[in-house]
Amino acid sequence: MMTVKTCYNGIGDYEKMSACFHGDDKIKRFLGLFLKDDNFEKLEKALEEDDVETAFIAAHTLKGVCQNLALDPLYEVDVVVTEALRAKNLKAAKEHFPRVKEEYEKAYQRISQL
């Protein structure tokens, strides 16, 4: 079975999470909430439908979730999409979304293995 520390390799900062939550059981509980969060799906659908407002809300919320869970690689690419959407630049958001999708899928897969 994968440890929480091993899970974080490549998807986030375990030390930062450990300092905040003081125990792997708490970290696991919060990571479980990540698996249930639907903002990635909302973002993807809104981008497909050219819905800038909904996409911005979803991207911004996902950014906060990633920041709170120290999922730094996903956070960093989502910031780019969030800021593009804030500027109402749908084209730029769509151009950068594949990196968000890649990091999201990597994080989701790793966390699912816990």
PDB file of N, CA and C in Angstrom:
ATOM      1  N   MET A   1       0.839  -1.189   0.000  1.00  0.00           N
ATOM      2  CA  MET A   1       0.000   0.000   0.000  1.00  0.00           C
ATOM      3  C   MET A   1       0.883   1.250   0.000  1.00  0.00           C
ATOM      4  N   MET A   2       0.466   2.233  -0.767  1.00  0.00           N
ATOM      5  CA  MET A   2       1.216   3.474  -0.888  1.00  0.00           C
ATOM      6  C   MET A   2       1.057   4.329   0.373  1.00  0.00           C
ATOM      7  N   THR A   3       2.154   4.948   0.793  1.00  0.00           N
ATOM      8  CA  THR A   3       2.074   5.869   1.925  1.00  0.00           C
ATOM      9  C   THR A   3       1.667   7.250   1.418  1.00  0.00           C
ATOM     10  N   VAL A   4       1.219   8.106   2.324  1.00  0.00           N
ATOM     11  CA  VAL A   4       0.844   9.469   1.946  1.00  0.00           C
ATOM     12  C   VAL A   4       2.066  10.207   1.408  1.00  0.00           C
ATOM     13  N   LYS A   5       3.197  10.014   2.043  1.00  0.00           N
ATOM     14  CA  LYS A   5       4.421  10.682   1.598  1.00  0.00           C
ATOM     15  C   LYS A   5       4.780  10.248   0.179  1.00  0.00           C
ATOM     16  N   THR A   6       4.700   8.977  -0.096  1.00  0.00           N
ATOM     17  CA  THR A   6       4.983   8.466  -1.439  1.00  0.00           C
ATOM     18  C   THR A   6       3.965   9.004  -2.442  1.00  0.00           C
ATOM     19  N   CYS A   7       2.727   9.077  -2.036  1.00  0.00           N
ATOM     20  CA  CYS A   7       1.670   9.606  -2.895  1.00  0.00           C
ATOM     21  C   CYS A   7       2.000  11.014  -3.368  1.00  0.00           C
ATOM     22  N   TYR A   8       2.556  11.807  -2.485  1.00  0.00           N
ATOM     23  CA  TYR A   8       2.851  13.210  -2.808  1.00  0.00           C
ATOM     24  C   TYR A   8       4.026  13.379  -3.764  1.00  0.00           C
ATOM     25  N   ASN A   9       4.860  12.339  -3.932  1.00  0.00           N
ATOM     26  CA  ASN A   9       5.993  12.443  -4.861  1.00  0.00           C
ATOM     27  C   ASN A   9       5.486  12.777  -6.260  1.00  0.00           C
ATOM     28  N   GLY A  10       5.890  13.924  -6.766  1.00  0.00           N
ATOM     29  CA  GLY A  10       5.515  14.323  -8.110  1.00  0.00           C
ATOM     30  C   GLY A  10       4.200  15.068  -8.228  1.00  0.00           C
ATOM     31  N   ILE A  11       3.386  15.070  -7.164  1.00  0.00           N
ATOM     32  CA  ILE A  11       2.110  15.780  -7.266  1.00  0.00           C
ATOM     33  C   ILE A  11       1.969  16.898  -6.242  1.00  0.00           C
ATOM     34  N   GLY A  12       2.882  16.973  -5.296  1.00  0.00           N
ATOM     35  CA  GLY A  12       2.722  18.013  -4.289  1.00  0.00           C
ATOM     36  C   GLY A  12       3.829  18.043  -3.262  1.00  0.00           C
ATOM     37  N   ASP A  13       3.590  18.818  -2.237  1.00  0.00           N
ATOM     38  CA  ASP A  13       4.585  19.054  -1.189  1.00  0.00           C
ATOM     39  C   ASP A  13       4.114  18.403   0.113  1.00  0.00           C
ATOM     40  N   TYR A  14       4.588  17.190   0.357  1.00  0.00           N
ATOM     41  CA  TYR A  14       4.200  16.451   1.552  1.00  0.00           C
ATOM     42  C   TYR A  14       4.618  17.176   2.824  1.00  0.00           C
ATOM     43  N   GLU A  15       5.787  17.748   2.823  1.00  0.00           N
ATOM     44  CA  GLU A  15       6.292  18.416   4.030  1.00  0.00           C
ATOM     45  C   GLU A  15       5.374  19.573   4.428  1.00  0.00           C
ATOM     46  N   LYS A  16       4.915  20.322   3.456  1.00  0.00           N
ATOM     47  CA  LYS A  16       4.004  21.433   3.725  1.00  0.00           C
ATOM     48  C   LYS A  16       2.686  20.917   4.317  1.00  0.00           C
ATOM     49  N   MET A  17       2.162  19.855   3.740  1.00  0.00           N
ATOM     50  CA  MET A  17       0.903  19.278   4.251  1.00  0.00           C
ATOM     51  C   MET A  17       1.099  18.708   5.644  1.00  0.00           C
ATOM     52  N   SER A  18       2.208  18.023   5.847  1.00  0.00           N
ATOM     53  CA  SER A  18       2.483  17.411   7.136  1.00  0.00           C
ATOM     54  C   SER A  18       2.600  18.471   8.226  1.00  0.00           C
ATOM     55  N   ALA A  19       3.212  19.593   7.892  1.00  0.00           N
ATOM     56  CA  ALA A  19       3.349  20.682   8.869  1.00  0.00           C
ATOM     57  C   ALA A  19       1.994  21.285   9.225  1.00  0.00           C
ATOM     58  N   CYS A  20       1.089  21.297   8.263  1.00  0.00           N
ATOM     59  CA  CYS A  20      -0.243  21.889   8.505  1.00  0.00           C
ATOM     60  C   CYS A  20      -1.183  20.930   9.227  1.00  0.00           C
ATOM     61  N   PHE A  21      -1.157  19.672   8.854  1.00  0.00           N
ATOM     62  CA  PHE A  21      -2.177  18.739   9.328  1.00  0.00           C
ATOM     63  C   PHE A  21      -1.697  17.764  10.388  1.00  0.00           C
ATOM     64  N   HIS A  22      -0.414  17.702  10.643  1.00  0.00           N
ATOM     65  CA  HIS A  22       0.138  16.900  11.742  1.00  0.00           C
ATOM     66  C   HIS A  22      -0.398  15.465  11.787  1.00  0.00           C
ATOM     67  N   GLY A  23      -0.300  14.784  10.677  1.00  0.00           N
ATOM     68  CA  GLY A  23      -0.682  13.377  10.686  1.00  0.00           C
ATOM     69  C   GLY A  23      -1.243  12.931   9.353  1.00  0.00           C
ATOM     70  N   ASP A  24      -0.802  11.759   8.937  1.00  0.00           N
ATOM     71  CA  ASP A  24      -1.222  11.236   7.644  1.00  0.00           C
ATOM     72  C   ASP A  24      -2.711  10.929   7.569  1.00  0.00           C
ATOM     73  N   ASP A  25      -3.333  10.576   8.692  1.00  0.00           N
ATOM     74  CA  ASP A  25      -4.767  10.283   8.665  1.00  0.00           C
ATOM     75  C   ASP A  25      -5.582  11.512   8.263  1.00  0.00           C
ATOM     76  N   LYS A  26      -5.204  12.666   8.784  1.00  0.00           N
ATOM     77  CA  LYS A  26      -5.894  13.912   8.415  1.00  0.00           C
ATOM     78  C   LYS A  26      -5.640  14.255   6.949  1.00  0.00           C
ATOM     79  N   ILE A  27      -4.411  14.089   6.520  1.00  0.00           N
ATOM     80  CA  ILE A  27      -4.076  14.376   5.123  1.00  0.00           C
ATOM     81  C   ILE A  27      -4.893  13.476   4.203  1.00  0.00           C
ATOM     82  N   LYS A  28      -4.967  12.193   4.538  1.00  0.00           N
ATOM     83  CA  LYS A  28      -5.752  11.244   3.731  1.00  0.00           C
ATOM     84  C   LYS A  28      -7.214  11.671   3.643  1.00  0.00           C
ATOM     85  N   ARG A  29      -7.754  12.124   4.765  1.00  0.00           N
ATOM     86  CA  ARG A  29      -9.154  12.544   4.778  1.00  0.00           C
ATOM     87  C   ARG A  29      -9.378  13.713   3.812  1.00  0.00           C
ATOM     88  N   PHE A  30      -8.475  14.684   3.842  1.00  0.00           N
ATOM     89  CA  PHE A  30      -8.622  15.836   2.951  1.00  0.00           C
ATOM     90  C   PHE A  30      -8.354  15.468   1.497  1.00  0.00           C
ATOM     91  N   LEU A  31      -7.412  14.579   1.264  1.00  0.00           N
ATOM     92  CA  LEU A  31      -7.179  14.119  -0.099  1.00  0.00           C
ATOM     93  C   LEU A  31      -8.396  13.373  -0.634  1.00  0.00           C
ATOM     94  N   GLY A  32      -9.105  12.680   0.239  1.00  0.00           N
ATOM     95  CA  GLY A  32     -10.349  12.014  -0.164  1.00  0.00           C
ATOM     96  C   GLY A  32     -11.383  13.010  -0.660  1.00  0.00           C
ATOM     97  N   LEU A  33     -11.398  14.186  -0.075  1.00  0.00           N
ATOM     98  CA  LEU A  33     -12.316  15.230  -0.536  1.00  0.00           C
ATOM     99  C   LEU A  33     -11.935  15.716  -1.930  1.00  0.00           C
ATOM    100  N   PHE A  34     -10.647  15.719  -2.240  1.00  0.00           N
ATOM    101  CA  PHE A  34     -10.191  16.082  -3.583  1.00  0.00           C
ATOM    102  C   PHE A  34     -10.811  15.152  -4.615  1.00  0.00           C
ATOM    103  N   LEU A  35     -10.852  13.866  -4.298  1.00  0.00           N
ATOM    104  CA  LEU A  35     -11.404  12.889  -5.235  1.00  0.00           C
ATOM    105  C   LEU A  35     -12.887  13.130  -5.492  1.00  0.00           C
ATOM    106  N   LYS A  36     -13.581  13.716  -4.531  1.00  0.00           N
ATOM    107  CA  LYS A  36     -15.021  13.981  -4.667  1.00  0.00           C
ATOM    108  C   LYS A  36     -15.324  15.347  -5.281  1.00  0.00           C
ATOM    109  N   ASP A  37     -14.335  16.225  -5.316  1.00  0.00           N
ATOM    110  CA  ASP A  37     -14.534  17.580  -5.834  1.00  0.00           C
ATOM    111  C   ASP A  37     -14.791  17.520  -7.340  1.00  0.00           C
ATOM    112  N   ASP A  38     -15.787  18.262  -7.804  1.00  0.00           N
ATOM    113  CA  ASP A  38     -16.161  18.198  -9.222  1.00  0.00           C
ATOM    114  C   ASP A  38     -15.767  19.439 -10.022  1.00  0.00           C
ATOM    115  N   ASN A  39     -14.919  20.275  -9.474  1.00  0.00           N
ATOM    116  CA  ASN A  39     -14.567  21.505 -10.184  1.00  0.00           C
ATOM    117  C   ASN A  39     -13.745  21.270 -11.436  1.00  0.00           C
ATOM    118  N   PHE A  40     -12.942  20.234 -11.476  1.00  0.00           N
ATOM    119  CA  PHE A  40     -12.217  19.934 -12.716  1.00  0.00           C
ATOM    120  C   PHE A  40     -13.197  19.611 -13.828  1.00  0.00           C
ATOM    121  N   GLU A  41     -14.179  18.767 -13.532  1.00  0.00           N
ATOM    122  CA  GLU A  41     -15.172  18.398 -14.537  1.00  0.00           C
ATOM    123  C   GLU A  41     -15.983  19.616 -14.974  1.00  0.00           C
ATOM    124  N   LYS A  42     -16.332  20.473 -14.025  1.00  0.00           N
ATOM    125  CA  LYS A  42     -17.061  21.709 -14.361  1.00  0.00           C
ATOM    126  C   LYS A  42     -16.223  22.601 -15.271  1.00  0.00           C
ATOM    127  N   LEU A  43     -14.935  22.711 -14.970  1.00  0.00           N
ATOM    128  CA  LEU A  43     -14.038  23.524 -15.787  1.00  0.00           C
ATOM    129  C   LEU A  43     -13.950  22.974 -17.205  1.00  0.00           C
ATOM    130  N   GLU A  44     -13.742  21.686 -17.305  1.00  0.00           N
ATOM    131  CA  GLU A  44     -13.610  21.061 -18.628  1.00  0.00           C
ATOM    132  C   GLU A  44     -14.876  21.268 -19.456  1.00  0.00           C
ATOM    133  N   LYS A  45     -16.027  21.036 -18.855  1.00  0.00           N
ATOM    134  CA  LYS A  45     -17.311  21.198 -19.559  1.00  0.00           C
ATOM    135  C   LYS A  45     -17.539  22.658 -19.955  1.00  0.00           C
ATOM    136  N   ALA A  46     -17.256  23.577 -19.045  1.00  0.00           N
ATOM    137  CA  ALA A  46     -17.464  24.995 -19.334  1.00  0.00           C
ATOM    138  C   ALA A  46     -16.553  25.460 -20.473  1.00  0.00           C
ATOM    139  N   LEU A  47     -15.319  24.973 -20.512  1.00  0.00           N
ATOM    140  CA  LEU A  47     -14.431  25.335 -21.615  1.00  0.00           C
ATOM    141  C   LEU A  47     -14.955  24.786 -22.939  1.00  0.00           C
ATOM    142  N   GLU A  48     -15.472  23.563 -22.918  1.00  0.00           N
ATOM    143  CA  GLU A  48     -16.047  22.976 -24.131  1.00  0.00           C
ATOM    144  C   GLU A  48     -17.235  23.796 -24.629  1.00  0.00           C
ATOM    145  N   GLU A  49     -17.967  24.381 -23.688  1.00  0.00           N
ATOM    146  CA  GLU A  49     -19.167  25.152 -24.030  1.00  0.00           C
ATOM    147  C   GLU A  49     -18.884  26.650 -24.174  1.00  0.00           C
ATOM    148  N   ASP A  50     -17.616  27.043 -24.103  1.00  0.00           N
ATOM    149  CA  ASP A  50     -17.212  28.457 -24.192  1.00  0.00           C
ATOM    150  C   ASP A  50     -17.891  29.323 -23.134  1.00  0.00           C
ATOM    151  N   ASP A  51     -18.101  28.770 -21.959  1.00  0.00           N
ATOM    152  CA  ASP A  51     -18.742  29.474 -20.851  1.00  0.00           C
ATOM    153  C   ASP A  51     -17.646  30.010 -19.922  1.00  0.00           C
ATOM    154  N   VAL A  52     -17.222  31.240 -20.186  1.00  0.00           N
ATOM    155  CA  VAL A  52     -16.102  31.834 -19.464  1.00  0.00           C
ATOM    156  C   VAL A  52     -16.404  31.989 -17.979  1.00  0.00           C
ATOM    157  N   GLU A  53     -17.594  32.446 -17.640  1.00  0.00           N
ATOM    158  CA  GLU A  53     -17.930  32.682 -16.224  1.00  0.00           C
ATOM    159  C   GLU A  53     -17.873  31.407 -15.399  1.00  0.00           C
ATOM    160  N   THR A  54     -18.545  30.376 -15.880  1.00  0.00           N
ATOM    161  CA  THR A  54     -18.555  29.103 -15.156  1.00  0.00           C
ATOM    162  C   THR A  54     -17.153  28.506 -15.103  1.00  0.00           C
ATOM    163  N   ALA A  55     -16.422  28.622 -16.209  1.00  0.00           N
ATOM    164  CA  ALA A  55     -15.056  28.097 -16.252  1.00  0.00           C
ATOM    165  C   ALA A  55     -14.176  28.823 -15.236  1.00  0.00           C
ATOM    166  N   PHE A  56     -14.329  30.132 -15.148  1.00  0.00           N
ATOM    167  CA  PHE A  56     -13.523  30.897 -14.192  1.00  0.00           C
ATOM    168  C   PHE A  56     -13.811  30.457 -12.760  1.00  0.00           C
ATOM    169  N   ILE A  57     -15.081  30.329 -12.413  1.00  0.00           N
ATOM    170  CA  ILE A  57     -15.444  29.928 -11.046  1.00  0.00           C
ATOM    171  C   ILE A  57     -14.855  28.549 -10.725  1.00  0.00           C
ATOM    172  N   ALA A  58     -14.986  27.618 -11.672  1.00  0.00           N
ATOM    173  CA  ALA A  58     -14.466  26.268 -11.450  1.00  0.00           C
ATOM    174  C   ALA A  58     -12.939  26.267 -11.344  1.00  0.00           C
ATOM    175  N   ALA A  59     -12.283  27.005 -12.230  1.00  0.00           N
ATOM    176  CA  ALA A  59     -10.812  27.055 -12.209  1.00  0.00           C
ATOM    177  C   ALA A  59     -10.320  27.712 -10.923  1.00  0.00           C
ATOM    178  N   HIS A  60     -10.984  28.768 -10.519  1.00  0.00           N
ATOM    179  CA  HIS A  60     -10.591  29.487  -9.303  1.00  0.00           C
ATOM    180  C   HIS A  60     -10.782  28.610  -8.065  1.00  0.00           C
ATOM    181  N   THR A  61     -11.882  27.889  -8.018  1.00  0.00           N
ATOM    182  CA  THR A  61     -12.148  26.991  -6.886  1.00  0.00           C
ATOM    183  C   THR A  61     -11.147  25.841  -6.870  1.00  0.00           C
ATOM    184  N   LEU A  62     -10.877  25.266  -8.030  1.00  0.00           N
ATOM    185  CA  LEU A  62      -9.888  24.186  -8.125  1.00  0.00           C
ATOM    186  C   LEU A  62      -8.518  24.683  -7.679  1.00  0.00           C
ATOM    187  N   LYS A  63      -8.187  25.891  -8.050  1.00  0.00           N
ATOM    188  CA  LYS A  63      -6.913  26.489  -7.634  1.00  0.00           C
ATOM    189  C   LYS A  63      -6.816  26.535  -6.111  1.00  0.00           C
ATOM    190  N   GLY A  64      -7.887  26.952  -5.467  1.00  0.00           N
ATOM    191  CA  GLY A  64      -7.897  27.014  -4.003  1.00  0.00           C
ATOM    192  C   GLY A  64      -7.760  25.645  -3.364  1.00  0.00           C
ATOM    193  N   VAL A  65      -8.454  24.672  -3.925  1.00  0.00           N
ATOM    194  CA  VAL A  65      -8.366  23.295  -3.417  1.00  0.00           C
ATOM    195  C   VAL A  65      -6.917  22.806  -3.512  1.00  0.00           C
ATOM    196  N   CYS A  66      -6.308  23.040  -4.664  1.00  0.00           N
ATOM    197  CA  CYS A  66      -4.923  22.594  -4.872  1.00  0.00           C
ATOM    198  C   CYS A  66      -3.961  23.301  -3.934  1.00  0.00           C
ATOM    199  N   GLN A  67      -4.180  24.574  -3.721  1.00  0.00           N
ATOM    200  CA  GLN A  67      -3.313  25.321  -2.816  1.00  0.00           C
ATOM    201  C   GLN A  67      -3.448  24.784  -1.395  1.00  0.00           C
ATOM    202  N   ASN A  68      -4.675  24.530  -0.960  1.00  0.00           N
ATOM    203  CA  ASN A  68      -4.912  24.021   0.390  1.00  0.00           C
ATOM    204  C   ASN A  68      -4.325  22.636   0.603  1.00  0.00           C
ATOM    205  N   LEU A  69      -4.232  21.838  -0.452  1.00  0.00           N
ATOM    206  CA  LEU A  69      -3.715  20.477  -0.341  1.00  0.00           C
ATOM    207  C   LEU A  69      -2.245  20.375  -0.751  1.00  0.00           C
ATOM    208  N   ALA A  70      -1.624  21.518  -1.039  1.00  0.00           N
ATOM    209  CA  ALA A  70      -0.218  21.570  -1.460  1.00  0.00           C
ATOM    210  C   ALA A  70       0.038  20.716  -2.703  1.00  0.00           C
ATOM    211  N   LEU A  71      -0.940  20.693  -3.606  1.00  0.00           N
ATOM    212  CA  LEU A  71      -0.779  20.007  -4.889  1.00  0.00           C
ATOM    213  C   LEU A  71      -0.177  21.027  -5.861  1.00  0.00           C
ATOM    214  N   ASP A  72       1.074  21.348  -5.629  1.00  0.00           N
ATOM    215  CA  ASP A  72       1.722  22.475  -6.287  1.00  0.00           C
ATOM    216  C   ASP A  72       1.783  22.389  -7.815  1.00  0.00           C
ATOM    217  N   PRO A  73       2.141  21.256  -8.426  1.00  0.00           N
ATOM    218  CA  PRO A  73       2.187  21.231  -9.887  1.00  0.00           C
ATOM    219  C   PRO A  73       0.817  21.539 -10.526  1.00  0.00           C
ATOM    220  N   LEU A  74      -0.249  20.996  -9.965  1.00  0.00           N
ATOM    221  CA  LEU A  74      -1.589  21.275 -10.486  1.00  0.00           C
ATOM    222  C   LEU A  74      -1.968  22.723 -10.212  1.00  0.00           C
ATOM    223  N   TYR A  75      -1.670  23.196  -9.031  1.00  0.00           N
ATOM    224  CA  TYR A  75      -1.954  24.590  -8.675  1.00  0.00           C
ATOM    225  C   TYR A  75      -1.290  25.542  -9.673  1.00  0.00           C
ATOM    226  N   GLU A  76      -0.016  25.313  -9.950  1.00  0.00           N
ATOM    227  CA  GLU A  76       0.744  26.229 -10.809  1.00  0.00           C
ATOM    228  C   GLU A  76       0.186  26.310 -12.227  1.00  0.00           C
ATOM    229  N   VAL A  77      -0.236  25.199 -12.800  1.00  0.00           N
ATOM    230  CA  VAL A  77      -0.795  25.257 -14.159  1.00  0.00           C
ATOM    231  C   VAL A  77      -2.223  25.787 -14.139  1.00  0.00           C
ATOM    232  N   ASP A  78      -2.951  25.527 -13.063  1.00  0.00           N
ATOM    233  CA  ASP A  78      -4.321  26.033 -12.969  1.00  0.00           C
ATOM    234  C   ASP A  78      -4.349  27.547 -12.782  1.00  0.00           C
ATOM    235  N   VAL A  79      -3.339  28.108 -12.134  1.00  0.00           N
ATOM    236  CA  VAL A  79      -3.250  29.566 -11.983  1.00  0.00           C
ATOM    237  C   VAL A  79      -3.247  30.230 -13.359  1.00  0.00           C
ATOM    238  N   VAL A  80      -2.524  29.653 -14.295  1.00  0.00           N
ATOM    239  CA  VAL A  80      -2.428  30.224 -15.646  1.00  0.00           C
ATOM    240  C   VAL A  80      -3.814  30.242 -16.304  1.00  0.00           C
ATOM    241  N   VAL A  81      -4.535  29.145 -16.183  1.00  0.00           N
ATOM    242  CA  VAL A  81      -5.883  29.073 -16.764  1.00  0.00           C
ATOM    243  C   VAL A  81      -6.823  30.023 -16.039  1.00  0.00           C
ATOM    244  N   THR A  82      -6.748  30.058 -14.726  1.00  0.00           N
ATOM    245  CA  THR A  82      -7.609  30.950 -13.942  1.00  0.00           C
ATOM    246  C   THR A  82      -7.401  32.403 -14.344  1.00  0.00           C
ATOM    247  N   GLU A  83      -6.151  32.811 -14.467  1.00  0.00           N
ATOM    248  CA  GLU A  83      -5.862  34.204 -14.813  1.00  0.00           C
ATOM    249  C   GLU A  83      -6.273  34.526 -16.250  1.00  0.00           C
ATOM    250  N   ALA A  84      -6.142  33.566 -17.150  1.00  0.00           N
ATOM    251  CA  ALA A  84      -6.616  33.774 -18.523  1.00  0.00           C
ATOM    252  C   ALA A  84      -8.132  33.987 -18.519  1.00  0.00           C
ATOM    253  N   LEU A  85      -8.839  33.186 -17.729  1.00  0.00           N
ATOM    254  CA  LEU A  85     -10.293  33.314 -17.657  1.00  0.00           C
ATOM    255  C   LEU A  85     -10.702  34.609 -16.956  1.00  0.00           C
ATOM    256  N   ARG A  86      -9.936  35.007 -15.956  1.00  0.00           N
ATOM    257  CA  ARG A  86     -10.219  36.280 -15.275  1.00  0.00           C
ATOM    258  C   ARG A  86     -10.167  37.432 -16.293  1.00  0.00           C
ATOM    259  N   ALA A  87      -9.216  37.313 -17.237  1.00  0.00           N
ATOM    260  CA  ALA A  87      -9.062  38.324 -18.290  1.00  0.00           C
ATOM    261  C   ALA A  87     -10.030  38.077 -19.456  1.00  0.00           C
ATOM    262  N   LYS A  88     -10.892  37.062 -19.297  1.00  0.00           N
ATOM    263  CA  LYS A  88     -11.867  36.671 -20.325  1.00  0.00           C
ATOM    264  C   LYS A  88     -11.191  36.222 -21.632  1.00  0.00           C
ATOM    265  N   ASN A  89      -9.992  35.655 -21.507  1.00  0.00           N
ATOM    266  CA  ASN A  89      -9.240  35.161 -22.647  1.00  0.00           C
ATOM    267  C   ASN A  89      -9.456  33.650 -22.764  1.00  0.00           C
ATOM    268  N   LEU A  90     -10.560  33.293 -23.376  1.00  0.00           N
ATOM    269  CA  LEU A  90     -10.945  31.886 -23.522  1.00  0.00           C
ATOM    270  C   LEU A  90      -9.917  31.106 -24.334  1.00  0.00           C
ATOM    271  N   LYS A  91      -9.376  31.743 -25.363  1.00  0.00           N
ATOM    272  CA  LYS A  91      -8.395  31.070 -26.223  1.00  0.00           C
ATOM    273  C   LYS A  91      -7.171  30.642 -25.406  1.00  0.00           C
ATOM    274  N   ALA A  92      -6.635  31.551 -24.601  1.00  0.00           N
ATOM    275  CA  ALA A  92      -5.460  31.219 -23.780  1.00  0.00           C
ATOM    276  C   ALA A  92      -5.798  30.147 -22.757  1.00  0.00           C
ATOM    277  N   ALA A  93      -6.982  30.237 -22.162  1.00  0.00           N
ATOM    278  CA  ALA A  93      -7.390  29.227 -21.178  1.00  0.00           C
ATOM    279  C   ALA A  93      -7.440  27.844 -21.821  1.00  0.00           C
ATOM    280  N   LYS A  94      -8.010  27.779 -23.013  1.00  0.00           N
ATOM    281  CA  LYS A  94      -8.097  26.493 -23.714  1.00  0.00           C
ATOM    282  C   LYS A  94      -6.719  25.973 -24.117  1.00  0.00           C
ATOM    283  N   GLU A  95      -5.814  26.878 -24.462  1.00  0.00           N
ATOM    284  CA  GLU A  95      -4.463  26.465 -24.846  1.00  0.00           C
ATOM    285  C   GLU A  95      -3.705  25.862 -23.669  1.00  0.00           C
ATOM    286  N   HIS A  96      -3.940  26.382 -22.468  1.00  0.00           N
ATOM    287  CA  HIS A  96      -3.222  25.902 -21.283  1.00  0.00           C
ATOM    288  C   HIS A  96      -3.945  24.772 -20.554  1.00  0.00           C
ATOM    289  N   PHE A  97      -5.206  24.554 -20.869  1.00  0.00           N
ATOM    290  CA  PHE A  97      -5.984  23.531 -20.164  1.00  0.00           C
ATOM    291  C   PHE A  97      -5.386  22.123 -20.258  1.00  0.00           C
ATOM    292  N   PRO A  98      -4.815  21.700 -21.393  1.00  0.00           N
ATOM    293  CA  PRO A  98      -4.249  20.341 -21.436  1.00  0.00           C
ATOM    294  C   PRO A  98      -3.218  20.070 -20.331  1.00  0.00           C
ATOM    295  N   ARG A  99      -2.463  21.083 -19.934  1.00  0.00           N
ATOM    296  CA  ARG A  99      -1.504  20.885 -18.835  1.00  0.00           C
ATOM    297  C   ARG A  99      -2.241  20.699 -17.516  1.00  0.00           C
ATOM    298  N   VAL A 100      -3.339  21.427 -17.335  1.00  0.00           N
ATOM    299  CA  VAL A 100      -4.157  21.245 -16.129  1.00  0.00           C
ATOM    300  C   VAL A 100      -4.694  19.823 -16.112  1.00  0.00           C
ATOM    301  N   LYS A 101      -5.213  19.389 -17.238  1.00  0.00           N
ATOM    302  CA  LYS A 101      -5.776  18.036 -17.327  1.00  0.00           C
ATOM    303  C   LYS A 101      -4.720  16.979 -17.018  1.00  0.00           C
ATOM    304  N   GLU A 102      -3.533  17.160 -17.548  1.00  0.00           N
ATOM    305  CA  GLU A 102      -2.445  16.208 -17.314  1.00  0.00           C
ATOM    306  C   GLU A 102      -2.085  16.137 -15.824  1.00  0.00           C
ATOM    307  N   GLU A 103      -1.916  17.283 -15.196  1.00  0.00           N
ATOM    308  CA  GLU A 103      -1.566  17.313 -13.768  1.00  0.00           C
ATOM    309  C   GLU A 103      -2.717  16.821 -12.899  1.00  0.00           C
ATOM    310  N   TYR A 104      -3.941  17.160 -13.286  1.00  0.00           N
ATOM    311  CA  TYR A 104      -5.108  16.702 -12.529  1.00  0.00           C
ATOM    312  C   TYR A 104      -5.192  15.173 -12.571  1.00  0.00           C
ATOM    313  N   GLU A 105      -5.061  14.616 -13.752  1.00  0.00           N
ATOM    314  CA  GLU A 105      -5.156  13.153 -13.896  1.00  0.00           C
ATOM    315  C   GLU A 105      -4.045  12.449 -13.122  1.00  0.00           C
ATOM    316  N   LYS A 106      -2.854  13.038 -13.135  1.00  0.00           N
ATOM    317  CA  LYS A 106      -1.742  12.446 -12.381  1.00  0.00           C
ATOM    318  C   LYS A 106      -2.053  12.473 -10.878  1.00  0.00           C
ATOM    319  N   ALA A 107      -2.514  13.625 -10.389  1.00  0.00           N
ATOM    320  CA  ALA A 107      -2.848  13.745  -8.967  1.00  0.00           C
ATOM    321  C   ALA A 107      -3.992  12.811  -8.600  1.00  0.00           C
ATOM    322  N   TYR A 108      -5.032  12.789  -9.421  1.00  0.00           N
ATOM    323  CA  TYR A 108      -6.202  11.955  -9.134  1.00  0.00           C
ATOM    324  C   TYR A 108      -5.796  10.486  -9.060  1.00  0.00           C
ATOM    325  N   GLN A 109      -4.995  10.063 -10.012  1.00  0.00           N
ATOM    326  CA  GLN A 109      -4.558   8.661 -10.040  1.00  0.00           C
ATOM    327  C   GLN A 109      -3.746   8.311  -8.795  1.00  0.00           C
ATOM    328  N   ARG A 110      -2.807   9.170  -8.428  1.00  0.00           N
ATOM    329  CA  ARG A 110      -1.974   8.895  -7.252  1.00  0.00           C
ATOM    330  C   ARG A 110      -2.808   8.861  -5.984  1.00  0.00           C
ATOM    331  N   ILE A 111      -3.670   9.842  -5.830  1.00  0.00           N
ATOM    332  CA  ILE A 111      -4.492   9.921  -4.621  1.00  0.00           C
ATOM    333  C   ILE A 111      -5.455   8.734  -4.552  1.00  0.00           C
ATOM    334  N   SER A 112      -5.959   8.292  -5.678  1.00  0.00           N
ATOM    335  CA  SER A 112      -6.868   7.136  -5.711  1.00  0.00           C
ATOM    336  C   SER A 112      -6.200   5.870  -5.208  1.00  0.00           C
ATOM    337  N   GLN A 113      -4.881   5.822  -5.269  1.00  0.00           N
ATOM    338  CA  GLN A 113      -4.151   4.620  -4.838  1.00  0.00           C
ATOM    339  C   GLN A 113      -3.939   4.559  -3.326  1.00  0.00           C
ATOM    340  N   LEU A 114      -4.297   5.622  -2.619  1.00  0.00           N
ATOM    341  CA  LEU A 114      -4.104   5.614  -1.167  1.00  0.00           C
ATOM    342  C   LEU A 114      -5.051   4.655  -0.473  1.00  0.00           C
TER     343      LEU A 114
END
